[in-house]
Amino acid sequence: MEGYRKKPLRGAIILLSATAVWGLSFVAQSEAMDFLEPITFNGIRILLGGLALIPVIFLFRRFDPAFRNLSPEQMRKRNRSSILGGMVCGVFMCAAATLQQYGIAMTSAGKSGFLTALYIVLVPVFGILFKRRIRWISAVCVAMALLGFYFLSVQADFSIAPGDLILVLCALMFAFQILFIDHFWEKGVDGVMMCCVEFLTAGVILLPLMFLFEHPAWENILAARGSILYAGLLSGAVGYTLQILGQRDVEPTAASLLMSLESVFAVLFGWLLLGERLSARELLGCALVFAAVILSQVPVGEGQKR
């Protein structure tokens, strides 16, 4: 942005705060399963997050210089692209969040964080569908992640726990969601507006499904209100706003590395707040997945181009 001076330290602190918020969300999602079924919890908290982002849209449009010089036609075009992008991404978010919640109900919060983080490695692989070249380092990272998944989830009899498999499918959906976000981002969308529409779309899809397939009860919703408010407002609206603010001051590769720490925070908070423990084999799997995530963000062989 012209005339804007980046402040990397401030940006790193903001992004680290967002990452911690997202990591703690795995604990909130895990605790919510004591009271609510997966679709009910997701429908309410995602819709709440979308509603909370509406004032953020107007806040950014008022103070962000990028919006001041847009003509009415340019603004309408940006709005149309943002709404379309949000609706498309919302479908994938709906699928990913639902799979994630079912997976979390069957395994630990920390393990869920690492298995969900596989999407960061899968994004460059599935980018082939969008006619993007895959780097050799991405292939190495996929192999590392698969080995990590083996230690995390494959038992001695070579069986895979259903919850772990569901979380891998969740990572696949998140990978496609991110690819479509990137696709629409290149069209010059309003990122906050697209995210808001994405949340609202997923929430609108999930709300009728919770009445069709689950049994939502008001007393259970009230009992899980802390987890709903945290996952909806803090992890959704506040976390995403912090990400936008932080990325303005941090280079893309550094931002990706900082945000990949979400899985580490998930394990840390699962250990501190839920008393979860991982075996030595599972810790090795976590280390391999985390190393693959970090390595996938390093611009190997691209240093002269940046």
C-alpha atoms as a PDB file:
ATOM      1  CA  MET A   1       0.000   0.000   0.000  1.00  0.00           C
ATOM      2  CA  GLU A   2       1.429   3.345  -1.070  1.00  0.00           C
ATOM      3  CA  GLY A   3       2.692   5.438   1.847  1.00  0.00           C
ATOM      4  CA  TYR A   4       2.266   2.607   4.333  1.00  0.00           C
ATOM      5  CA  ARG A   5       5.317   1.485   6.290  1.00  0.00           C
ATOM      6  CA  LYS A   6       5.357  -2.129   7.382  1.00  0.00           C
ATOM      7  CA  LYS A   7       6.091  -2.900  11.027  1.00  0.00           C
ATOM      8  CA  PRO A   8       7.126  -6.577  11.034  1.00  0.00           C
ATOM      9  CA  LEU A   9       7.371  -6.977  14.819  1.00  0.00           C
ATOM     10  CA  ARG A  10       3.898  -5.576  15.383  1.00  0.00           C
ATOM     11  CA  GLY A  11       2.529  -7.715  12.566  1.00  0.00           C
ATOM     12  CA  ALA A  12       4.194 -10.847  13.954  1.00  0.00           C
ATOM     13  CA  ILE A  13       2.687 -10.242  17.409  1.00  0.00           C
ATOM     14  CA  ILE A  14      -0.777  -9.712  15.896  1.00  0.00           C
ATOM     15  CA  LEU A  15      -0.534 -12.864  13.744  1.00  0.00           C
ATOM     16  CA  LEU A  16       0.762 -14.895  16.675  1.00  0.00           C
ATOM     17  CA  SER A  17      -2.231 -13.695  18.700  1.00  0.00           C
ATOM     18  CA  ALA A  18      -4.593 -14.802  15.915  1.00  0.00           C
ATOM     19  CA  THR A  19      -2.867 -18.182  15.762  1.00  0.00           C
ATOM     20  CA  ALA A  20      -3.221 -18.674  19.519  1.00  0.00           C
ATOM     21  CA  VAL A  21      -6.913 -17.780  19.277  1.00  0.00           C
ATOM     22  CA  TRP A  22      -7.401 -20.399  16.544  1.00  0.00           C
ATOM     23  CA  GLY A  23      -5.405 -23.022  18.465  1.00  0.00           C
ATOM     24  CA  LEU A  24      -7.567 -22.536  21.559  1.00  0.00           C
ATOM     25  CA  SER A  25     -10.643 -22.913  19.355  1.00  0.00           C
ATOM     26  CA  PHE A  26      -9.924 -26.656  19.089  1.00  0.00           C
ATOM     27  CA  VAL A  27     -10.402 -26.878  22.863  1.00  0.00           C
ATOM     28  CA  ALA A  28     -13.677 -24.920  22.664  1.00  0.00           C
ATOM     29  CA  GLN A  29     -14.886 -27.175  19.846  1.00  0.00           C
ATOM     30  CA  SER A  30     -13.947 -30.285  21.823  1.00  0.00           C
ATOM     31  CA  GLU A  31     -15.730 -29.106  24.977  1.00  0.00           C
ATOM     32  CA  ALA A  32     -18.859 -28.172  23.014  1.00  0.00           C
ATOM     33  CA  MET A  33     -19.325 -31.839  22.095  1.00  0.00           C
ATOM     34  CA  ASP A  34     -20.299 -32.516  25.718  1.00  0.00           C
ATOM     35  CA  PHE A  35     -23.540 -30.603  25.092  1.00  0.00           C
ATOM     36  CA  LEU A  36     -24.196 -30.246  21.354  1.00  0.00           C
ATOM     37  CA  GLU A  37     -24.123 -32.364  18.231  1.00  0.00           C
ATOM     38  CA  PRO A  38     -21.642 -31.290  15.514  1.00  0.00           C
ATOM     39  CA  ILE A  39     -23.980 -29.671  12.974  1.00  0.00           C
ATOM     40  CA  THR A  40     -25.875 -27.743  15.653  1.00  0.00           C
ATOM     41  CA  PHE A  41     -22.689 -26.326  17.152  1.00  0.00           C
ATOM     42  CA  ASN A  42     -21.211 -25.401  13.775  1.00  0.00           C
ATOM     43  CA  GLY A  43     -24.409 -23.883  12.418  1.00  0.00           C
ATOM     44  CA  ILE A  44     -24.795 -21.525  15.365  1.00  0.00           C
ATOM     45  CA  ARG A  45     -21.166 -20.521  15.814  1.00  0.00           C
ATOM     46  CA  ILE A  46     -20.438 -20.006  12.092  1.00  0.00           C
ATOM     47  CA  LEU A  47     -23.562 -17.910  11.572  1.00  0.00           C
ATOM     48  CA  LEU A  48     -22.644 -15.894  14.661  1.00  0.00           C
ATOM     49  CA  GLY A  49     -19.153 -15.317  13.244  1.00  0.00           C
ATOM     50  CA  GLY A  50     -20.640 -14.106   9.940  1.00  0.00           C
ATOM     51  CA  LEU A  51     -22.974 -11.648  11.674  1.00  0.00           C
ATOM     52  CA  ALA A  52     -20.078 -10.339  13.778  1.00  0.00           C
ATOM     53  CA  LEU A  53     -18.070  -9.600  10.607  1.00  0.00           C
ATOM     54  CA  ILE A  54     -20.727  -7.270   9.159  1.00  0.00           C
ATOM     55  CA  PRO A  55     -19.607  -4.218  11.186  1.00  0.00           C
ATOM     56  CA  VAL A  56     -15.980  -5.107  10.397  1.00  0.00           C
ATOM     57  CA  ILE A  57     -16.754  -4.661   6.670  1.00  0.00           C
ATOM     58  CA  PHE A  58     -17.925  -1.078   7.226  1.00  0.00           C
ATOM     59  CA  LEU A  59     -15.008  -0.400   9.585  1.00  0.00           C
ATOM     60  CA  PHE A  60     -12.415  -1.422   7.006  1.00  0.00           C
ATOM     61  CA  ARG A  61     -14.177   0.412   4.189  1.00  0.00           C
ATOM     62  CA  ARG A  62     -14.200   3.596   6.205  1.00  0.00           C
ATOM     63  CA  PHE A  63     -10.558   3.601   7.276  1.00  0.00           C
ATOM     64  CA  ASP A  64      -8.750   1.574   4.578  1.00  0.00           C
ATOM     65  CA  PRO A  65      -7.364   3.947   1.891  1.00  0.00           C
ATOM     66  CA  ALA A  66      -7.747   1.197  -0.738  1.00  0.00           C
ATOM     67  CA  PHE A  67     -11.500   1.886  -0.869  1.00  0.00           C
ATOM     68  CA  ARG A  68     -11.374   5.672  -1.135  1.00  0.00           C
ATOM     69  CA  ASN A  69     -10.486   5.927  -4.813  1.00  0.00           C
ATOM     70  CA  LEU A  70     -12.886   3.293  -6.144  1.00  0.00           C
ATOM     71  CA  SER A  71     -15.617   4.437  -8.518  1.00  0.00           C
ATOM     72  CA  PRO A  72     -19.222   3.279  -7.926  1.00  0.00           C
ATOM     73  CA  GLU A  73     -18.864   0.784 -10.800  1.00  0.00           C
ATOM     74  CA  GLN A  74     -15.587  -0.571  -9.394  1.00  0.00           C
ATOM     75  CA  MET A  75     -17.228  -0.949  -5.983  1.00  0.00           C
ATOM     76  CA  ARG A  76     -20.199  -2.812  -7.478  1.00  0.00           C
ATOM     77  CA  LYS A  77     -17.859  -5.132  -9.364  1.00  0.00           C
ATOM     78  CA  ARG A  78     -15.860  -5.794  -6.206  1.00  0.00           C
ATOM     79  CA  ASN A  79     -19.043  -6.460  -4.248  1.00  0.00           C
ATOM     80  CA  ARG A  80     -20.327  -8.936  -6.867  1.00  0.00           C
ATOM     81  CA  SER A  81     -17.036 -10.852  -6.905  1.00  0.00           C
ATOM     82  CA  SER A  82     -16.893 -10.845  -3.102  1.00  0.00           C
ATOM     83  CA  ILE A  83     -20.432 -12.217  -2.765  1.00  0.00           C
ATOM     84  CA  LEU A  84     -19.907 -14.910  -5.416  1.00  0.00           C
ATOM     85  CA  GLY A  85     -16.551 -15.911  -3.913  1.00  0.00           C
ATOM     86  CA  GLY A  86     -18.021 -16.021  -0.427  1.00  0.00           C
ATOM     87  CA  MET A  87     -20.871 -18.269  -1.530  1.00  0.00           C
ATOM     88  CA  VAL A  88     -18.562 -20.729  -3.327  1.00  0.00           C
ATOM     89  CA  CYS A  89     -16.052 -20.836  -0.462  1.00  0.00           C
ATOM     90  CA  GLY A  90     -18.905 -21.094   2.032  1.00  0.00           C
ATOM     91  CA  VAL A  91     -19.956 -24.457   0.574  1.00  0.00           C
ATOM     92  CA  PHE A  92     -16.446 -25.857   1.094  1.00  0.00           C
ATOM     93  CA  MET A  93     -16.212 -24.263   4.532  1.00  0.00           C
ATOM     94  CA  CYS A  94     -19.524 -25.892   5.470  1.00  0.00           C
ATOM     95  CA  ALA A  95     -18.194 -29.324   4.472  1.00  0.00           C
ATOM     96  CA  ALA A  96     -14.787 -28.797   6.110  1.00  0.00           C
ATOM     97  CA  ALA A  97     -16.162 -27.460   9.402  1.00  0.00           C
ATOM     98  CA  THR A  98     -18.717 -30.275   9.657  1.00  0.00           C
ATOM     99  CA  LEU A  99     -16.106 -32.962   9.026  1.00  0.00           C
ATOM    100  CA  GLN A 100     -13.743 -31.274  11.482  1.00  0.00           C
ATOM    101  CA  GLN A 101     -16.354 -31.222  14.226  1.00  0.00           C
ATOM    102  CA  TYR A 102     -17.213 -34.900  13.757  1.00  0.00           C
ATOM    103  CA  GLY A 103     -13.490 -35.699  13.811  1.00  0.00           C
ATOM    104  CA  ILE A 104     -12.848 -33.693  16.972  1.00  0.00           C
ATOM    105  CA  ALA A 105     -15.661 -35.582  18.692  1.00  0.00           C
ATOM    106  CA  MET A 106     -13.723 -38.826  18.044  1.00  0.00           C
ATOM    107  CA  THR A 107     -10.149 -37.771  18.858  1.00  0.00           C
ATOM    108  CA  SER A 108      -8.143 -35.233  20.874  1.00  0.00           C
ATOM    109  CA  ALA A 109      -8.073 -31.474  20.249  1.00  0.00           C
ATOM    110  CA  GLY A 110      -4.289 -31.491  19.771  1.00  0.00           C
ATOM    111  CA  LYS A 111      -4.289 -34.348  17.291  1.00  0.00           C
ATOM    112  CA  SER A 112      -7.141 -32.666  15.423  1.00  0.00           C
ATOM    113  CA  GLY A 113      -5.049 -29.525  15.056  1.00  0.00           C
ATOM    114  CA  PHE A 114      -2.187 -31.364  13.375  1.00  0.00           C
ATOM    115  CA  LEU A 115      -4.364 -33.452  11.076  1.00  0.00           C
ATOM    116  CA  THR A 116      -6.315 -30.363  10.016  1.00  0.00           C
ATOM    117  CA  ALA A 117      -3.004 -28.588   9.301  1.00  0.00           C
ATOM    118  CA  LEU A 118      -2.396 -31.068   6.480  1.00  0.00           C
ATOM    119  CA  TYR A 119      -4.359 -28.687   4.250  1.00  0.00           C
ATOM    120  CA  ILE A 120      -1.317 -26.392   4.093  1.00  0.00           C
ATOM    121  CA  VAL A 121       0.670 -29.181   2.444  1.00  0.00           C
ATOM    122  CA  LEU A 122      -2.205 -30.261   0.196  1.00  0.00           C
ATOM    123  CA  VAL A 123      -2.899 -26.789  -1.229  1.00  0.00           C
ATOM    124  CA  PRO A 124       0.074 -26.740  -3.637  1.00  0.00           C
ATOM    125  CA  VAL A 125      -0.700 -30.300  -4.755  1.00  0.00           C
ATOM    126  CA  PHE A 126      -4.325 -29.567  -5.625  1.00  0.00           C
ATOM    127  CA  GLY A 127      -3.191 -26.283  -7.164  1.00  0.00           C
ATOM    128  CA  ILE A 128      -2.457 -28.417 -10.236  1.00  0.00           C
ATOM    129  CA  LEU A 129      -6.206 -28.313 -10.911  1.00  0.00           C
ATOM    130  CA  PHE A 130      -5.863 -24.529 -11.207  1.00  0.00           C
ATOM    131  CA  LYS A 131      -2.947 -24.997 -13.651  1.00  0.00           C
ATOM    132  CA  ARG A 132      -0.275 -24.085 -11.130  1.00  0.00           C
ATOM    133  CA  ARG A 133       3.122 -25.708 -11.095  1.00  0.00           C
ATOM    134  CA  ILE A 134       4.042 -27.831  -8.105  1.00  0.00           C
ATOM    135  CA  ARG A 135       7.508 -27.296  -6.629  1.00  0.00           C
ATOM    136  CA  TRP A 136       9.728 -30.262  -5.888  1.00  0.00           C
ATOM    137  CA  ILE A 137       9.799 -29.223  -2.229  1.00  0.00           C
ATOM    138  CA  SER A 138       6.010 -29.574  -2.108  1.00  0.00           C
ATOM    139  CA  ALA A 139       6.301 -33.220  -3.154  1.00  0.00           C
ATOM    140  CA  VAL A 140       8.828 -33.774  -0.349  1.00  0.00           C
ATOM    141  CA  CYS A 141       6.466 -32.107   2.123  1.00  0.00           C
ATOM    142  CA  VAL A 142       3.568 -34.314   1.058  1.00  0.00           C
ATOM    143  CA  ALA A 143       5.731 -37.409   1.650  1.00  0.00           C
ATOM    144  CA  MET A 144       6.728 -36.103   5.106  1.00  0.00           C
ATOM    145  CA  ALA A 145       3.111 -35.308   5.957  1.00  0.00           C
ATOM    146  CA  LEU A 146       1.976 -38.781   4.891  1.00  0.00           C
ATOM    147  CA  LEU A 147       4.657 -40.342   7.091  1.00  0.00           C
ATOM    148  CA  GLY A 148       3.544 -38.096   9.938  1.00  0.00           C
ATOM    149  CA  PHE A 149      -0.055 -39.148   9.389  1.00  0.00           C
ATOM    150  CA  TYR A 150       1.080 -42.774   9.549  1.00  0.00           C
ATOM    151  CA  PHE A 151       2.654 -42.302  12.990  1.00  0.00           C
ATOM    152  CA  LEU A 152      -0.263 -40.182  14.195  1.00  0.00           C
ATOM    153  CA  SER A 153      -3.123 -42.354  13.064  1.00  0.00           C
ATOM    154  CA  VAL A 154      -2.215 -45.816  11.719  1.00  0.00           C
ATOM    155  CA  GLN A 155      -2.391 -48.489  14.387  1.00  0.00           C
ATOM    156  CA  ALA A 156      -0.193 -51.586  14.752  1.00  0.00           C
ATOM    157  CA  ASP A 157      -2.760 -53.618  12.793  1.00  0.00           C
ATOM    158  CA  PHE A 158      -2.662 -50.946  10.037  1.00  0.00           C
ATOM    159  CA  SER A 159      -6.161 -49.741  10.861  1.00  0.00           C
ATOM    160  CA  ILE A 160      -7.025 -46.040  10.898  1.00  0.00           C
ATOM    161  CA  ALA A 161      -9.338 -44.539  13.499  1.00  0.00           C
ATOM    162  CA  PRO A 162     -12.546 -43.182  11.901  1.00  0.00           C
ATOM    163  CA  GLY A 163     -12.037 -39.751  13.511  1.00  0.00           C
ATOM    164  CA  ASP A 164      -8.568 -39.405  11.990  1.00  0.00           C
ATOM    165  CA  LEU A 165      -9.822 -40.304   8.525  1.00  0.00           C
ATOM    166  CA  ILE A 166     -12.630 -37.754   8.850  1.00  0.00           C
ATOM    167  CA  LEU A 167     -10.077 -35.075   9.775  1.00  0.00           C
ATOM    168  CA  VAL A 168      -8.016 -35.886   6.681  1.00  0.00           C
ATOM    169  CA  LEU A 169     -11.156 -35.400   4.570  1.00  0.00           C
ATOM    170  CA  CYS A 170     -11.649 -32.127   6.454  1.00  0.00           C
ATOM    171  CA  ALA A 171      -8.128 -31.060   5.431  1.00  0.00           C
ATOM    172  CA  LEU A 172      -9.004 -31.861   1.796  1.00  0.00           C
ATOM    173  CA  MET A 173     -12.058 -29.595   1.967  1.00  0.00           C
ATOM    174  CA  PHE A 174     -10.037 -26.797   3.581  1.00  0.00           C
ATOM    175  CA  ALA A 175      -7.440 -27.143   0.810  1.00  0.00           C
ATOM    176  CA  PHE A 176     -10.081 -26.598  -1.876  1.00  0.00           C
ATOM    177  CA  GLN A 177     -11.572 -23.742   0.136  1.00  0.00           C
ATOM    178  CA  ILE A 178      -8.210 -21.970   0.221  1.00  0.00           C
ATOM    179  CA  LEU A 179      -7.635 -22.522  -3.495  1.00  0.00           C
ATOM    180  CA  PHE A 180     -10.980 -20.903  -4.293  1.00  0.00           C
ATOM    181  CA  ILE A 181     -10.242 -18.044  -1.872  1.00  0.00           C
ATOM    182  CA  ASP A 182      -6.995 -17.444  -3.753  1.00  0.00           C
ATOM    183  CA  HIS A 183      -8.827 -17.710  -7.096  1.00  0.00           C
ATOM    184  CA  PHE A 184     -11.329 -15.010  -6.156  1.00  0.00           C
ATOM    185  CA  TRP A 185      -8.692 -12.917  -4.383  1.00  0.00           C
ATOM    186  CA  GLU A 186      -6.964 -12.485  -7.755  1.00  0.00           C
ATOM    187  CA  LYS A 187     -10.193 -10.896  -9.027  1.00  0.00           C
ATOM    188  CA  GLY A 188      -9.795  -8.049  -6.517  1.00  0.00           C
ATOM    189  CA  VAL A 189     -12.408  -8.965  -3.919  1.00  0.00           C
ATOM    190  CA  ASP A 190     -13.036  -7.349  -0.546  1.00  0.00           C
ATOM    191  CA  GLY A 191     -11.482  -9.980   1.729  1.00  0.00           C
ATOM    192  CA  VAL A 192     -13.579  -9.130   4.792  1.00  0.00           C
ATOM    193  CA  MET A 193     -16.816  -9.078   2.816  1.00  0.00           C
ATOM    194  CA  MET A 194     -16.008 -12.393   1.124  1.00  0.00           C
ATOM    195  CA  CYS A 195     -15.227 -13.969   4.500  1.00  0.00           C
ATOM    196  CA  CYS A 196     -18.482 -12.614   5.944  1.00  0.00           C
ATOM    197  CA  VAL A 197     -20.528 -14.037   3.046  1.00  0.00           C
ATOM    198  CA  GLU A 198     -18.587 -17.301   3.376  1.00  0.00           C
ATOM    199  CA  PHE A 199     -19.546 -17.607   7.056  1.00  0.00           C
ATOM    200  CA  LEU A 200     -23.168 -16.633   6.413  1.00  0.00           C
ATOM    201  CA  THR A 201     -23.465 -19.106   3.506  1.00  0.00           C
ATOM    202  CA  ALA A 202     -22.103 -21.992   5.596  1.00  0.00           C
ATOM    203  CA  GLY A 203     -24.324 -21.031   8.520  1.00  0.00           C
ATOM    204  CA  VAL A 204     -27.467 -20.828   6.379  1.00  0.00           C
ATOM    205  CA  ILE A 205     -26.729 -24.290   4.945  1.00  0.00           C
ATOM    206  CA  LEU A 206     -26.091 -25.832   8.364  1.00  0.00           C
ATOM    207  CA  LEU A 207     -29.046 -24.406  10.300  1.00  0.00           C
ATOM    208  CA  PRO A 208     -31.793 -26.383   8.496  1.00  0.00           C
ATOM    209  CA  LEU A 209     -29.569 -29.483   8.499  1.00  0.00           C
ATOM    210  CA  MET A 210     -29.331 -29.397  12.280  1.00  0.00           C
ATOM    211  CA  PHE A 211     -33.128 -29.676  12.541  1.00  0.00           C
ATOM    212  CA  LEU A 212     -33.232 -32.443   9.929  1.00  0.00           C
ATOM    213  CA  PHE A 213     -30.475 -34.650  11.320  1.00  0.00           C
ATOM    214  CA  GLU A 214     -29.996 -33.606  14.961  1.00  0.00           C
ATOM    215  CA  HIS A 215     -32.003 -32.690  18.017  1.00  0.00           C
ATOM    216  CA  PRO A 216     -31.051 -29.145  19.108  1.00  0.00           C
ATOM    217  CA  ALA A 217     -32.284 -28.214  22.569  1.00  0.00           C
ATOM    218  CA  TRP A 218     -32.221 -24.687  23.959  1.00  0.00           C
ATOM    219  CA  GLU A 219     -30.851 -25.798  27.340  1.00  0.00           C
ATOM    220  CA  ASN A 220     -27.921 -27.543  25.647  1.00  0.00           C
ATOM    221  CA  ILE A 221     -27.202 -24.475  23.529  1.00  0.00           C
ATOM    222  CA  LEU A 222     -27.105 -22.357  26.683  1.00  0.00           C
ATOM    223  CA  ALA A 223     -24.848 -24.888  28.388  1.00  0.00           C
ATOM    224  CA  ALA A 224     -22.363 -24.615  25.477  1.00  0.00           C
ATOM    225  CA  ARG A 225     -22.658 -20.824  25.162  1.00  0.00           C
ATOM    226  CA  GLY A 226     -19.033 -20.238  26.197  1.00  0.00           C
ATOM    227  CA  SER A 227     -17.693 -22.503  23.452  1.00  0.00           C
ATOM    228  CA  ILE A 228     -20.141 -21.052  20.906  1.00  0.00           C
ATOM    229  CA  LEU A 229     -19.197 -17.465  21.699  1.00  0.00           C
ATOM    230  CA  TYR A 230     -15.493 -18.225  21.634  1.00  0.00           C
ATOM    231  CA  ALA A 231     -15.552 -20.218  18.398  1.00  0.00           C
ATOM    232  CA  GLY A 232     -17.975 -17.815  16.720  1.00  0.00           C
ATOM    233  CA  LEU A 233     -16.813 -14.385  17.848  1.00  0.00           C
ATOM    234  CA  LEU A 234     -13.168 -14.752  18.895  1.00  0.00           C
ATOM    235  CA  SER A 235     -11.978 -17.499  16.558  1.00  0.00           C
ATOM    236  CA  GLY A 236     -14.157 -16.289  13.690  1.00  0.00           C
ATOM    237  CA  ALA A 237     -14.569 -12.511  13.642  1.00  0.00           C
ATOM    238  CA  VAL A 238     -11.695 -11.419  15.910  1.00  0.00           C
ATOM    239  CA  GLY A 239      -9.225 -14.035  14.638  1.00  0.00           C
ATOM    240  CA  TYR A 240      -9.865 -13.179  11.001  1.00  0.00           C
ATOM    241  CA  THR A 241      -9.609  -9.427  11.661  1.00  0.00           C
ATOM    242  CA  LEU A 242      -6.280  -9.946  13.441  1.00  0.00           C
ATOM    243  CA  GLN A 243      -5.075 -11.962  10.441  1.00  0.00           C
ATOM    244  CA  ILE A 244      -5.898  -9.122   8.048  1.00  0.00           C
ATOM    245  CA  LEU A 245      -4.196  -6.523  10.248  1.00  0.00           C
ATOM    246  CA  GLY A 246      -1.148  -8.698  10.851  1.00  0.00           C
ATOM    247  CA  GLN A 247      -0.607  -9.613   7.209  1.00  0.00           C
ATOM    248  CA  ARG A 248      -0.330  -5.939   6.280  1.00  0.00           C
ATOM    249  CA  ASP A 249       2.965  -5.780   8.208  1.00  0.00           C
ATOM    250  CA  VAL A 250       4.445  -9.229   7.521  1.00  0.00           C
ATOM    251  CA  GLU A 251       5.746 -10.768   4.308  1.00  0.00           C
ATOM    252  CA  PRO A 252       3.558 -13.623   2.960  1.00  0.00           C
ATOM    253  CA  THR A 253       6.016 -16.446   3.692  1.00  0.00           C
ATOM    254  CA  ALA A 254       6.615 -15.254   7.263  1.00  0.00           C
ATOM    255  CA  ALA A 255       2.858 -14.862   7.752  1.00  0.00           C
ATOM    256  CA  SER A 256       2.236 -18.454   6.606  1.00  0.00           C
ATOM    257  CA  LEU A 257       4.902 -19.746   8.979  1.00  0.00           C
ATOM    258  CA  LEU A 258       3.407 -17.876  11.925  1.00  0.00           C
ATOM    259  CA  MET A 259      -0.123 -19.062  11.156  1.00  0.00           C
ATOM    260  CA  SER A 260       1.026 -22.670  10.826  1.00  0.00           C
ATOM    261  CA  LEU A 261       1.708 -22.585  14.581  1.00  0.00           C
ATOM    262  CA  GLU A 262      -2.039 -23.049  15.079  1.00  0.00           C
ATOM    263  CA  SER A 263      -1.511 -26.812  15.335  1.00  0.00           C
ATOM    264  CA  VAL A 264       1.145 -26.345  18.027  1.00  0.00           C
ATOM    265  CA  PHE A 265      -1.166 -24.141  20.081  1.00  0.00           C
ATOM    266  CA  ALA A 266      -3.913 -26.771  19.691  1.00  0.00           C
ATOM    267  CA  VAL A 267      -1.668 -29.402  21.305  1.00  0.00           C
ATOM    268  CA  LEU A 268      -0.462 -26.986  23.994  1.00  0.00           C
ATOM    269  CA  PHE A 269      -3.954 -25.904  25.020  1.00  0.00           C
ATOM    270  CA  GLY A 270      -5.258 -29.478  24.800  1.00  0.00           C
ATOM    271  CA  TRP A 271      -2.530 -30.491  27.252  1.00  0.00           C
ATOM    272  CA  LEU A 272      -3.005 -27.506  29.606  1.00  0.00           C
ATOM    273  CA  LEU A 273      -6.810 -27.316  29.639  1.00  0.00           C
ATOM    274  CA  LEU A 274      -8.048 -30.801  28.781  1.00  0.00           C
ATOM    275  CA  GLY A 275      -5.218 -32.907  30.180  1.00  0.00           C
ATOM    276  CA  GLU A 276      -4.645 -34.604  26.815  1.00  0.00           C
ATOM    277  CA  ARG A 277      -1.550 -36.704  26.276  1.00  0.00           C
ATOM    278  CA  LEU A 278       0.100 -37.958  23.097  1.00  0.00           C
ATOM    279  CA  SER A 279       2.186 -41.102  22.869  1.00  0.00           C
ATOM    280  CA  ALA A 280       5.793 -40.972  21.669  1.00  0.00           C
ATOM    281  CA  ARG A 281       4.645 -42.341  18.303  1.00  0.00           C
ATOM    282  CA  GLU A 282       1.971 -39.648  17.984  1.00  0.00           C
ATOM    283  CA  LEU A 283       4.452 -36.929  19.001  1.00  0.00           C
ATOM    284  CA  LEU A 284       6.769 -38.110  16.228  1.00  0.00           C
ATOM    285  CA  GLY A 285       3.852 -37.891  13.806  1.00  0.00           C
ATOM    286  CA  CYS A 286       3.097 -34.354  15.010  1.00  0.00           C
ATOM    287  CA  ALA A 287       6.743 -33.369  14.534  1.00  0.00           C
ATOM    288  CA  LEU A 288       6.769 -34.691  10.957  1.00  0.00           C
ATOM    289  CA  VAL A 289       3.480 -32.977  10.049  1.00  0.00           C
ATOM    290  CA  PHE A 290       4.681 -29.698  11.585  1.00  0.00           C
ATOM    291  CA  ALA A 291       8.030 -29.944   9.766  1.00  0.00           C
ATOM    292  CA  ALA A 292       6.182 -30.573   6.484  1.00  0.00           C
ATOM    293  CA  VAL A 293       3.918 -27.572   7.113  1.00  0.00           C
ATOM    294  CA  ILE A 294       6.881 -25.290   7.853  1.00  0.00           C
ATOM    295  CA  LEU A 295       8.975 -26.572   4.934  1.00  0.00           C
ATOM    296  CA  SER A 296       6.056 -26.145   2.518  1.00  0.00           C
ATOM    297  CA  GLN A 297       6.062 -22.405   3.257  1.00  0.00           C
ATOM    298  CA  VAL A 298       9.781 -21.855   2.632  1.00  0.00           C
ATOM    299  CA  PRO A 299      10.460 -20.360  -0.840  1.00  0.00           C
ATOM    300  CA  VAL A 300      13.214 -22.834  -1.757  1.00  0.00           C
ATOM    301  CA  GLY A 301      14.874 -21.814  -5.016  1.00  0.00           C
ATOM    302  CA  GLU A 302      12.818 -18.638  -5.220  1.00  0.00           C
ATOM    303  CA  GLY A 303      14.987 -16.300  -3.218  1.00  0.00           C
ATOM    304  CA  GLN A 304      16.093 -14.265  -6.227  1.00  0.00           C
ATOM    305  CA  LYS A 305      12.569 -13.735  -7.446  1.00  0.00           C
ATOM    306  CA  ARG A 306      11.166 -12.075  -4.375  1.00  0.00           C
END
